[in-house]
Amino acid sequence: MKIGESLGEIKYTLLLGDPDAEAEEVVYDSRKAGENTVFVCIKGTRVDSHDFIPQVIDAGTKVLVVEKGLEELPGSFPKGVTIFRVDSAREALAWLSAARFQHPAGKMICIGVTGTKGKTTTTYMIKAILEAAGKKAGLIGTAGAVIGDTTYPTMNTTPESYQLHQYFDQMVREGCQYMIMEVSSQGLKMHRVDGIDFDYVIFTNISRDHIGPDEHEDFEEYLYCKSRLLSLGKVGLVNRDDEHFEEIVKGCTCELYTYSLEDQGDFMASDIRYVSEPDFVGLEFLVKGRIELDVRVNIPGRFNVYNACAAVCLCSFLGIERETICHGLEHLYVNGRMEIVHTSKRCTVIVDYAHNGVSMESLLLTLRDYKPKRLVCVFGCGGNRSKDRRYSMGEIGGRLADLCILTADNSRYERTEDIIADIRGSVEKAGGTYLEIPDRREAIEYSIVHAQPGDMIAVIGKGHEDYQEINGVRHRFLDRQVIEEVVSQLSGSCNSSIL
């Protein structure tokens, strides 16, 4: 590919060499540089890859994309080296990556979802509906990249642009007609989705989160980054009930539609019914407006009415039949998001990714709507993270759960007992009842073995994660798998009456 042409809409200055310089591969890791590669120099928060230019040149690279002037670059440049200067190397990386894989996103219908909460669930709802309609869809988000029957782990909710286009290319080769992805505020801030023309975008909600070092300076920046998605899509769907609605849609350039439970929107959800049966725990509600249907969703929670409403709206634009939409939502499976792992006459066990105060409070208030005998919450907090999260989650658990079982999460380089001690203080201040069982497997087992008829047990904090991180090492651990093992052991023993 010709680098100048592949930079697309980006303005650049040719500092040295041939304006028609070509390369076969795009790299931004100096260790992968070599002949026929273009090396994109990115200034990160800790590492400036401009510093590695001499090594890259020694490896045979002849084309560089930089953010600095020629006099600021280290080393010398032999004959045949070409250097393009741009304002944003990350933006350049996005355009070059798209060109490297021959713009695969443009070969699918692209759907992007952003918001503080609900991204993962909404994308999985859309995927379930499309697959119920016989369509093939790829998905990228917090739980990984899902292409066909394979899930590839990802380090970020929205991976780096090169990985994105690599996944898009694989989706196209495997026959995907649709691409659905979570678009994080960091993904927008770091230009990872630049150059992608989204056909449809959804904005679920926004609240204070991801503000601090290496994230966002303040709420205003966080909101601005997220709202950028509404200028990258052709058709946009926004939650009309969000208190920041006017700020969210300010300056958006897409064709805008709204959905709502409380205000007047283009799509309205109403008559919400909470259903708790031995073989089904979820929701029923009506959608009116541009489409009308009675929906049944097999995951609980009023906030999931918003997510389902967004998915219904989106799929109505895609021309999916009403019956197919309903079938997809009723048979939905979302890994680690309000995931009902076990339900019986005795108890219901749910796994959820709630790992901060906002999401935990929303979850526990939701489960209260189902009038459980007791609401039991099994949780811990991650180590080497803000202690405010421990205090808020302890306070909320003490206030909203009938029993908190305090246990390990990803302790990282802290002692689990020290983290539990921080949580315990807030539980006590809120007047809550608690137990301390540091071993997470034992804590989960205790909650099920000692369940009372009608209990709801929420195992929260890790959701889809399949590991526990302790002293820098990740050990295999999946909440769902532990629950299934405990239930299986109890069902096959003399204690089968427990379940």
Protein backbone atom coordinates (compact mmCIF):
# COMPACT_ATOMS: atom_id res chain seq x y z
CA MET A 1 0.00 0.00 0.00
CA LYS A 2 1.08 3.58 -0.68
CA ILE A 3 1.38 5.26 2.71
CA GLY A 4 0.42 8.76 1.56
CA GLU A 5 -2.81 7.48 0.00
CA SER A 6 -3.53 5.15 2.91
CA LEU A 7 -3.48 8.01 5.43
CA GLY A 8 -6.91 8.88 4.08
CA GLU A 9 -8.29 12.17 5.35
CA ILE A 10 -5.27 12.91 7.55
CA LYS A 11 -3.10 15.88 6.66
CA TYR A 12 0.59 15.11 6.69
CA THR A 13 3.95 16.67 5.93
CA LEU A 14 6.62 14.77 4.04
CA LEU A 15 9.81 15.33 6.05
CA LEU A 16 12.05 13.05 4.04
CA GLY A 17 12.02 10.66 1.12
CA ASP A 18 9.51 9.45 -1.45
CA PRO A 19 5.86 10.65 -1.33
CA ASP A 20 4.85 7.39 -3.04
CA ALA A 21 6.65 5.16 -0.50
CA GLU A 22 5.01 1.78 0.03
CA ALA A 23 4.84 -0.86 2.77
CA GLU A 24 3.15 -4.21 3.25
CA GLU A 25 2.66 -4.21 7.01
CA VAL A 26 1.83 -1.65 9.73
CA VAL A 27 3.61 -1.87 13.10
CA TYR A 28 3.68 0.29 16.21
CA ASP A 29 5.76 -2.11 18.32
CA SER A 30 9.44 -1.64 17.49
CA ARG A 31 10.08 -5.35 18.11
CA LYS A 32 7.91 -6.23 15.13
CA ALA A 33 9.57 -3.79 12.72
CA GLY A 34 11.43 -5.05 9.67
CA GLU A 35 11.63 -4.78 5.91
CA ASN A 36 8.43 -3.73 4.13
CA THR A 37 6.91 -2.30 7.31
CA VAL A 38 5.78 1.21 8.13
CA PHE A 39 6.54 2.06 11.76
CA VAL A 40 4.04 4.39 13.47
CA CYS A 41 5.67 6.31 16.34
CA ILE A 42 3.25 6.83 19.24
CA LYS A 43 3.89 8.93 22.33
CA GLY A 44 2.32 6.98 25.17
CA THR A 45 1.88 7.89 28.83
CA ARG A 46 5.00 5.91 29.78
CA VAL A 47 6.87 5.13 26.56
CA ASP A 48 7.63 7.27 23.51
CA SER A 49 8.26 4.96 20.58
CA HIS A 50 10.12 7.73 18.73
CA ASP A 51 13.02 6.71 20.98
CA PHE A 52 13.22 3.35 19.17
CA ILE A 53 13.66 4.76 15.67
CA PRO A 54 17.38 3.79 15.43
CA GLN A 55 16.56 0.14 16.22
CA VAL A 56 13.71 0.17 13.73
CA ILE A 57 15.96 1.55 10.99
CA ASP A 58 18.56 -1.12 11.81
CA ALA A 59 15.82 -3.76 11.43
CA GLY A 60 15.27 -2.67 7.82
CA THR A 61 12.25 -0.40 8.10
CA LYS A 62 12.23 2.28 5.40
CA VAL A 63 9.00 4.19 6.20
CA LEU A 64 8.15 6.07 9.42
CA VAL A 65 5.10 8.01 10.58
CA VAL A 66 6.03 10.46 13.33
CA GLU A 67 4.65 13.33 15.41
CA LYS A 68 7.94 15.25 15.71
CA GLY A 69 10.11 17.40 13.49
CA LEU A 70 13.14 15.91 11.74
CA GLU A 71 15.55 17.68 14.09
CA GLU A 72 13.84 16.09 17.14
CA LEU A 73 14.21 12.52 15.92
CA PRO A 74 17.06 10.34 17.21
CA GLY A 75 19.71 8.78 14.98
CA SER A 76 20.54 9.32 11.34
CA PHE A 77 18.58 8.31 8.26
CA PRO A 78 20.23 6.44 5.39
CA LYS A 79 19.21 6.91 1.79
CA GLY A 80 15.83 5.40 0.97
CA VAL A 81 14.11 6.24 4.27
CA THR A 82 10.79 8.11 4.05
CA ILE A 83 9.26 10.02 6.97
CA PHE A 84 5.68 11.35 7.15
CA ARG A 85 4.79 13.75 9.96
CA VAL A 86 1.20 13.87 11.31
CA ASP A 87 -0.51 15.62 14.22
CA SER A 88 -1.84 12.36 15.70
CA ALA A 89 0.01 9.08 15.19
CA ARG A 90 -2.90 7.16 16.75
CA GLU A 91 -5.25 8.60 14.15
CA ALA A 92 -2.75 7.68 11.45
CA LEU A 93 -2.51 4.15 12.85
CA ALA A 94 -6.28 3.75 12.55
CA TRP A 95 -6.33 4.79 8.87
CA LEU A 96 -3.25 2.77 7.97
CA SER A 97 -4.65 -0.31 9.73
CA ALA A 98 -7.90 -0.03 7.78
CA ALA A 99 -5.92 0.20 4.53
CA ARG A 100 -3.66 -2.70 5.54
CA PHE A 101 -6.70 -5.00 5.69
CA GLN A 102 -8.45 -3.37 2.71
CA HIS A 103 -11.10 -1.57 4.77
CA PRO A 104 -13.02 -4.64 6.02
CA ALA A 105 -15.46 -2.63 8.17
CA GLY A 106 -16.92 -1.17 4.99
CA LYS A 107 -17.90 -4.68 3.89
CA MET A 108 -20.28 -5.18 6.83
CA ILE A 109 -23.12 -3.30 8.49
CA CYS A 110 -21.35 -1.72 11.49
CA ILE A 111 -23.07 -1.10 14.83
CA GLY A 112 -21.36 0.75 17.68
CA VAL A 113 -22.60 0.98 21.28
CA THR A 114 -21.26 3.35 23.94
CA GLY A 115 -22.32 4.36 27.45
CA THR A 116 -21.20 3.98 31.05
CA LYS A 117 -23.39 0.94 31.64
CA GLY A 118 -25.18 -1.51 29.38
CA LYS A 119 -22.75 -1.73 26.44
CA THR A 120 -21.99 -5.42 26.76
CA THR A 121 -25.57 -6.51 27.37
CA THR A 122 -26.94 -4.38 24.53
CA THR A 123 -24.41 -5.73 22.02
CA TYR A 124 -25.19 -9.32 23.01
CA MET A 125 -28.92 -8.63 22.69
CA ILE A 126 -28.45 -7.32 19.17
CA LYS A 127 -26.28 -10.31 18.27
CA ALA A 128 -28.86 -12.75 19.66
CA ILE A 129 -31.63 -11.17 17.60
CA LEU A 130 -29.57 -11.15 14.40
CA GLU A 131 -28.60 -14.78 14.85
CA ALA A 132 -32.23 -15.70 15.52
CA ALA A 133 -32.91 -14.14 12.10
CA GLY A 134 -30.26 -16.35 10.52
CA LYS A 135 -27.71 -13.55 10.14
CA LYS A 136 -24.03 -13.93 10.93
CA ALA A 137 -22.57 -11.28 13.23
CA GLY A 138 -19.20 -10.69 14.82
CA LEU A 139 -18.87 -8.93 18.17
CA ILE A 140 -16.08 -7.04 19.94
CA GLY A 141 -16.22 -5.85 23.55
CA THR A 142 -15.32 -6.30 27.18
CA ALA A 143 -15.80 -10.07 27.04
CA GLY A 144 -13.55 -10.43 23.98
CA ALA A 145 -13.89 -10.68 20.21
CA VAL A 146 -16.53 -13.24 19.21
CA ILE A 147 -16.21 -14.54 15.66
CA GLY A 148 -18.16 -17.65 14.80
CA ASP A 149 -17.79 -20.16 17.64
CA THR A 150 -14.51 -18.69 18.88
CA THR A 151 -13.96 -15.98 21.50
CA TYR A 152 -10.60 -14.22 21.44
CA PRO A 153 -9.56 -12.47 24.67
CA THR A 154 -8.94 -8.73 24.39
CA MET A 155 -6.99 -6.47 26.74
CA ASN A 156 -9.32 -3.49 26.26
CA THR A 157 -13.06 -3.06 25.71
CA THR A 158 -12.15 -1.40 22.40
CA PRO A 159 -8.84 -2.89 21.21
CA GLU A 160 -6.14 -0.91 19.41
CA SER A 161 -7.11 0.04 15.85
CA TYR A 162 -4.79 -2.51 14.20
CA GLN A 163 -6.36 -5.37 16.18
CA LEU A 164 -9.83 -4.05 15.39
CA HIS A 165 -9.28 -4.18 11.63
CA GLN A 166 -7.59 -7.55 11.96
CA TYR A 167 -10.74 -8.85 13.66
CA PHE A 168 -12.95 -7.14 11.05
CA ASP A 169 -10.97 -8.83 8.30
CA GLN A 170 -11.48 -12.22 9.95
CA MET A 171 -15.20 -11.53 10.33
CA VAL A 172 -15.50 -10.77 6.61
CA ARG A 173 -13.55 -13.91 5.68
CA GLU A 174 -15.87 -15.98 7.88
CA GLY A 175 -18.98 -14.54 6.25
CA CYS A 176 -20.18 -12.03 8.87
CA GLN A 177 -22.76 -9.61 7.53
CA TYR A 178 -22.80 -7.50 10.70
CA MET A 179 -20.17 -6.16 13.07
CA ILE A 180 -21.30 -5.12 16.57
CA MET A 181 -18.87 -3.51 19.00
CA GLU A 182 -18.62 -1.74 22.31
CA VAL A 183 -17.00 1.64 21.80
CA SER A 184 -15.33 2.84 24.99
CA SER A 185 -14.52 6.43 25.86
CA GLN A 186 -10.83 5.48 25.77
CA GLY A 187 -11.31 3.94 22.34
CA LEU A 188 -12.74 7.24 21.13
CA LYS A 189 -10.14 9.36 22.92
CA MET A 190 -7.28 7.27 21.54
CA HIS A 191 -8.65 7.39 17.95
CA ARG A 192 -9.03 3.59 17.80
CA VAL A 193 -12.29 3.80 15.82
CA ASP A 194 -11.33 6.70 13.56
CA GLY A 195 -12.15 6.05 9.93
CA ILE A 196 -14.90 3.52 10.70
CA ASP A 197 -18.22 4.56 9.19
CA PHE A 198 -20.78 3.17 11.62
CA ASP A 199 -24.18 2.52 10.08
CA TYR A 200 -25.87 2.64 13.50
CA VAL A 201 -24.71 3.89 16.90
CA ILE A 202 -26.32 3.64 20.35
CA PHE A 203 -25.69 5.79 23.44
CA THR A 204 -27.05 3.93 26.50
CA ASN A 205 -26.37 6.37 29.39
CA ILE A 206 -23.61 8.24 31.16
CA SER A 207 -22.55 8.67 34.78
CA ARG A 208 -19.32 9.61 36.53
CA ASP A 209 -16.73 6.91 35.90
CA HIS A 210 -13.27 6.43 34.39
CA ILE A 211 -12.08 9.78 35.71
CA GLY A 212 -8.51 9.87 36.97
CA PRO A 213 -4.88 9.25 35.95
CA ASP A 214 -4.48 7.60 32.52
CA GLU A 215 -8.24 7.89 31.90
CA HIS A 216 -10.19 11.18 31.71
CA GLU A 217 -9.35 14.50 33.32
CA ASP A 218 -12.95 15.22 34.31
CA PHE A 219 -16.57 14.36 33.56
CA GLU A 220 -16.76 16.93 30.77
CA GLU A 221 -13.95 15.24 28.87
CA TYR A 222 -15.50 11.82 29.51
CA LEU A 223 -18.86 12.96 28.12
CA TYR A 224 -17.25 14.69 25.14
CA CYS A 225 -15.30 11.57 24.16
CA LYS A 226 -18.34 9.33 24.37
CA SER A 227 -20.60 11.74 22.47
CA ARG A 228 -18.11 11.72 19.56
CA LEU A 229 -19.62 8.39 18.51
CA LEU A 230 -22.80 10.20 17.45
CA SER A 231 -20.73 11.95 14.79
CA LEU A 232 -19.26 8.70 13.48
CA GLY A 233 -22.57 7.04 12.62
CA LYS A 234 -25.34 7.50 10.08
CA VAL A 235 -28.25 6.70 12.44
CA GLY A 236 -28.08 7.24 16.21
CA LEU A 237 -30.23 5.94 19.09
CA VAL A 238 -30.00 7.74 22.44
CA ASN A 239 -31.58 7.10 25.84
CA ARG A 240 -33.97 10.05 26.21
CA ASP A 241 -34.24 9.55 29.98
CA ASP A 242 -30.58 10.22 30.72
CA GLU A 243 -30.19 13.44 32.71
CA HIS A 244 -27.37 14.52 30.39
CA PHE A 245 -29.40 13.95 27.20
CA GLU A 246 -29.10 17.51 25.88
CA GLU A 247 -25.32 17.50 26.40
CA ILE A 248 -25.01 14.07 24.79
CA VAL A 249 -26.76 15.04 21.55
CA LYS A 250 -25.30 18.54 21.28
CA GLY A 251 -23.46 18.76 17.99
CA CYS A 252 -24.30 15.21 16.84
CA THR A 253 -24.39 14.81 13.08
CA CYS A 254 -26.29 11.52 12.74
CA GLU A 255 -30.00 10.98 12.06
CA LEU A 256 -31.21 10.91 15.67
CA TYR A 257 -33.87 8.73 17.35
CA THR A 258 -34.65 8.27 21.04
CA TYR A 259 -35.94 5.52 23.31
CA SER A 260 -37.45 5.98 26.76
CA LEU A 261 -39.23 4.50 29.75
CA GLU A 262 -40.24 7.82 31.30
CA ASP A 263 -40.16 10.60 28.71
CA GLN A 264 -41.57 10.86 25.23
CA GLY A 265 -39.28 9.04 22.80
CA ASP A 266 -39.52 7.61 19.31
CA PHE A 267 -39.65 4.21 21.02
CA MET A 268 -41.33 3.78 24.43
CA ALA A 269 -41.12 0.84 26.85
CA SER A 270 -43.98 0.45 29.35
CA ASP A 271 -46.00 -2.02 31.43
CA ILE A 272 -42.84 -3.56 32.92
CA ARG A 273 -43.42 -6.87 34.70
CA TYR A 274 -40.85 -8.69 36.85
CA VAL A 275 -41.08 -12.45 36.35
CA SER A 276 -39.56 -14.97 38.78
CA GLU A 277 -40.37 -18.62 38.05
CA PRO A 278 -38.45 -21.85 38.81
CA ASP A 279 -37.20 -21.99 35.21
CA PHE A 280 -37.31 -18.30 34.22
CA VAL A 281 -36.20 -15.07 35.87
CA GLY A 282 -36.52 -11.98 33.77
CA LEU A 283 -38.76 -9.26 32.40
CA GLU A 284 -41.81 -8.67 30.29
CA PHE A 285 -42.74 -5.28 28.83
CA LEU A 286 -44.36 -3.51 25.90
CA VAL A 287 -42.62 -1.46 23.23
CA LYS A 288 -44.63 1.21 21.42
CA GLY A 289 -43.84 3.89 18.89
CA ARG A 290 -42.08 3.16 15.60
CA ILE A 291 -42.51 -0.55 16.38
CA GLU A 292 -45.00 -2.27 18.69
CA LEU A 293 -44.48 -5.64 20.36
CA ASP A 294 -44.66 -7.49 23.67
CA VAL A 295 -41.14 -8.45 24.78
CA ARG A 296 -39.93 -11.16 27.16
CA VAL A 297 -36.26 -11.03 28.22
CA ASN A 298 -34.59 -13.78 30.26
CA ILE A 299 -32.36 -11.48 32.32
CA PRO A 300 -33.63 -9.40 35.26
CA GLY A 301 -33.42 -5.68 35.93
CA ARG A 302 -35.20 -2.47 35.05
CA PHE A 303 -32.00 -1.15 33.46
CA ASN A 304 -32.11 -4.14 31.11
CA VAL A 305 -35.43 -2.83 29.84
CA TYR A 306 -33.42 0.12 28.51
CA ASN A 307 -30.85 -2.22 26.96
CA ALA A 308 -33.52 -4.43 25.39
CA CYS A 309 -35.46 -1.41 24.15
CA ALA A 310 -32.31 -0.11 22.42
CA ALA A 311 -31.76 -3.53 20.81
CA VAL A 312 -35.39 -3.71 19.66
CA CYS A 313 -35.18 -0.23 18.14
CA LEU A 314 -31.94 -0.99 16.34
CA CYS A 315 -33.18 -4.29 14.92
CA SER A 316 -36.41 -2.68 13.72
CA PHE A 317 -34.25 -0.46 11.47
CA LEU A 318 -32.61 -3.63 10.14
CA GLY A 319 -35.99 -5.02 9.11
CA ILE A 320 -35.97 -7.98 11.51
CA GLU A 321 -39.40 -9.56 12.01
CA ARG A 322 -41.18 -8.91 15.33
CA GLU A 323 -41.41 -12.60 16.18
CA THR A 324 -37.70 -13.03 15.58
CA ILE A 325 -36.83 -10.08 17.82
CA CYS A 326 -38.92 -11.58 20.63
CA HIS A 327 -37.40 -15.04 20.18
CA GLY A 328 -33.85 -13.68 20.30
CA LEU A 329 -34.43 -11.78 23.55
CA GLU A 330 -36.28 -14.59 25.29
CA HIS A 331 -33.39 -17.01 24.65
CA LEU A 332 -30.61 -14.55 25.34
CA TYR A 333 -27.27 -15.47 26.94
CA VAL A 334 -24.86 -12.77 28.12
CA ASN A 335 -21.62 -14.00 29.63
CA GLY A 336 -21.19 -12.53 33.13
CA ARG A 337 -23.87 -9.85 32.85
CA MET A 338 -26.89 -10.62 35.04
CA GLU A 339 -26.18 -14.20 34.06
CA ILE A 340 -28.54 -16.63 35.75
CA VAL A 341 -26.35 -19.67 36.33
CA HIS A 342 -28.78 -21.63 38.48
CA THR A 343 -32.45 -21.29 39.30
CA SER A 344 -34.70 -23.65 41.22
CA LYS A 345 -37.52 -23.59 43.76
CA ARG A 346 -34.90 -23.13 46.44
CA CYS A 347 -32.64 -20.38 45.12
CA THR A 348 -31.44 -18.38 42.15
CA VAL A 349 -27.71 -17.75 41.63
CA ILE A 350 -26.64 -14.82 39.43
CA VAL A 351 -23.19 -13.78 38.20
CA ASP A 352 -22.56 -10.15 37.33
CA TYR A 353 -19.58 -7.94 36.49
CA ALA A 354 -20.67 -5.16 38.90
CA HIS A 355 -17.36 -3.97 40.32
CA ASN A 356 -18.06 -0.43 41.50
CA GLY A 357 -20.62 1.34 43.64
CA VAL A 358 -22.84 2.56 40.80
CA SER A 359 -23.24 -0.83 39.14
CA MET A 360 -23.54 -2.70 42.44
CA GLU A 361 -26.32 -0.44 43.71
CA SER A 362 -28.19 -0.74 40.42
CA LEU A 363 -27.87 -4.53 40.53
CA LEU A 364 -29.02 -4.99 44.14
CA LEU A 365 -31.94 -2.59 43.77
CA THR A 366 -32.98 -4.54 40.68
CA LEU A 367 -32.88 -7.88 42.48
CA ARG A 368 -34.94 -6.38 45.31
CA ASP A 369 -37.76 -5.93 42.78
CA TYR A 370 -38.07 -9.72 42.65
CA LYS A 371 -38.90 -9.90 46.37
CA PRO A 372 -36.36 -12.58 47.38
CA LYS A 373 -36.52 -14.30 50.78
CA ARG A 374 -32.96 -13.02 51.29
CA LEU A 375 -30.63 -11.17 48.99
CA VAL A 376 -27.12 -12.58 49.48
CA CYS A 377 -24.17 -10.82 47.88
CA VAL A 378 -20.76 -12.49 47.44
CA PHE A 379 -18.10 -9.92 46.58
CA GLY A 380 -14.64 -8.45 47.12
CA CYS A 381 -12.68 -5.64 45.49
CA GLY A 382 -9.63 -5.46 43.28
CA GLY A 383 -6.27 -4.70 44.84
CA ASN A 384 -4.07 -1.75 43.89
CA ARG A 385 -7.11 0.31 42.93
CA SER A 386 -8.82 3.26 44.59
CA LYS A 387 -10.00 2.43 48.10
CA ASP A 388 -13.10 4.55 47.52
CA ARG A 389 -14.50 1.64 45.52
CA ARG A 390 -14.18 -0.64 48.57
CA TYR A 391 -15.87 1.85 50.86
CA SER A 392 -18.77 2.49 48.48
CA MET A 393 -19.35 -1.18 47.69
CA GLY A 394 -19.21 -2.07 51.40
CA GLU A 395 -21.75 0.64 52.25
CA ILE A 396 -24.10 -0.40 49.45
CA GLY A 397 -23.83 -4.08 50.32
CA GLY A 398 -24.49 -3.36 53.99
CA ARG A 399 -27.52 -1.30 53.10
CA LEU A 400 -29.14 -3.38 50.35
CA ALA A 401 -28.10 -7.02 50.93
CA ASP A 402 -29.46 -9.22 53.72
CA LEU A 403 -26.09 -10.95 53.91
CA CYS A 404 -22.72 -9.94 52.50
CA ILE A 405 -20.09 -12.63 52.08
CA LEU A 406 -16.78 -10.79 51.78
CA THR A 407 -14.16 -12.60 49.74
CA ALA A 408 -11.29 -12.28 47.27
CA ASP A 409 -11.45 -10.59 43.87
CA ASN A 410 -8.24 -9.78 41.95
CA SER A 411 -6.06 -8.96 44.95
CA ARG A 412 -3.07 -8.22 42.71
CA TYR A 413 -0.23 -7.13 45.00
CA GLU A 414 -2.35 -6.53 48.12
CA ARG A 415 -3.38 -8.99 50.83
CA THR A 416 -6.97 -10.17 50.45
CA GLU A 417 -7.46 -9.80 54.21
CA ASP A 418 -6.49 -6.10 54.03
CA ILE A 419 -8.97 -5.45 51.23
CA ILE A 420 -11.73 -7.26 53.13
CA ALA A 421 -10.94 -5.16 56.22
CA ASP A 422 -11.54 -1.97 54.20
CA ILE A 423 -14.87 -3.31 52.92
CA ARG A 424 -15.89 -4.58 56.36
CA GLY A 425 -15.73 -1.14 57.95
CA SER A 426 -18.28 0.28 55.50
CA VAL A 427 -20.58 -2.73 55.84
CA GLU A 428 -20.58 -2.28 59.62
CA LYS A 429 -21.28 1.46 59.37
CA ALA A 430 -24.31 0.68 57.19
CA GLY A 431 -25.58 -1.82 59.77
CA GLY A 432 -25.18 -4.79 57.45
CA THR A 433 -24.76 -8.47 58.24
CA TYR A 434 -21.65 -10.12 56.85
CA LEU A 435 -19.33 -13.12 56.83
CA GLU A 436 -15.69 -13.18 55.81
CA ILE A 437 -14.54 -16.12 53.66
CA PRO A 438 -11.33 -15.05 51.88
CA ASP A 439 -11.23 -18.05 49.52
CA ARG A 440 -13.65 -17.16 46.70
CA ARG A 441 -14.49 -20.77 45.85
CA GLU A 442 -15.36 -21.49 49.48
CA ALA A 443 -17.42 -18.31 49.69
CA ILE A 444 -19.49 -19.27 46.66
CA GLU A 445 -19.98 -22.80 47.97
CA TYR A 446 -21.08 -21.51 51.38
CA SER A 447 -23.69 -19.20 49.81
CA ILE A 448 -25.31 -22.08 47.91
CA VAL A 449 -25.08 -24.78 50.59
CA HIS A 450 -26.65 -22.44 53.17
CA ALA A 451 -29.30 -20.98 50.83
CA GLN A 452 -32.80 -20.60 52.23
CA PRO A 453 -35.91 -21.21 50.10
CA GLY A 454 -36.54 -18.12 47.96
CA ASP A 455 -32.99 -16.72 48.24
CA MET A 456 -31.30 -14.78 45.45
CA ILE A 457 -27.51 -15.03 45.50
CA ALA A 458 -25.50 -12.47 43.55
CA VAL A 459 -21.84 -13.35 42.92
CA ILE A 460 -20.42 -10.10 41.64
CA GLY A 461 -17.26 -8.29 40.60
CA LYS A 462 -15.71 -10.65 38.06
CA GLY A 463 -18.49 -11.58 35.67
CA HIS A 464 -16.95 -13.04 32.50
CA GLU A 465 -13.36 -12.95 33.82
CA ASP A 466 -11.82 -16.42 33.88
CA TYR A 467 -8.95 -15.72 36.24
CA GLN A 468 -7.91 -14.40 39.63
CA GLU A 469 -4.84 -12.20 39.66
CA ILE A 470 -2.60 -12.74 42.70
CA ASN A 471 0.89 -11.25 43.00
CA GLY A 472 1.13 -10.67 39.26
CA VAL A 473 0.02 -14.19 38.31
CA ARG A 474 -3.35 -15.02 36.77
CA HIS A 475 -4.87 -18.25 38.07
CA ARG A 476 -7.76 -19.95 36.26
CA PHE A 477 -11.04 -19.08 38.00
CA LEU A 478 -14.52 -18.57 36.58
CA ASP A 479 -17.46 -17.83 38.88
CA ARG A 480 -19.97 -19.57 36.62
CA GLN A 481 -17.90 -22.74 36.50
CA VAL A 482 -17.52 -22.84 40.30
CA ILE A 483 -21.28 -22.41 40.77
CA GLU A 484 -22.03 -25.19 38.29
CA GLU A 485 -19.56 -27.50 40.03
CA VAL A 486 -21.09 -26.81 43.46
CA VAL A 487 -24.63 -27.36 42.18
CA SER A 488 -23.56 -30.58 40.43
CA GLN A 489 -21.88 -31.91 43.58
CA LEU A 490 -24.91 -31.11 45.72
CA SER A 491 -27.33 -32.59 43.20
CA GLY A 492 -25.40 -35.84 43.17
CA SER A 493 -25.08 -36.12 46.94
CA CYS A 494 -27.38 -36.76 49.87
CA ASN A 495 -27.78 -33.00 50.08
CA SER A 496 -29.70 -32.86 46.79
CA SER A 497 -32.73 -31.60 48.72
CA ILE A 498 -30.85 -28.33 49.14
CA LEU A 499 -31.54 -27.54 45.51
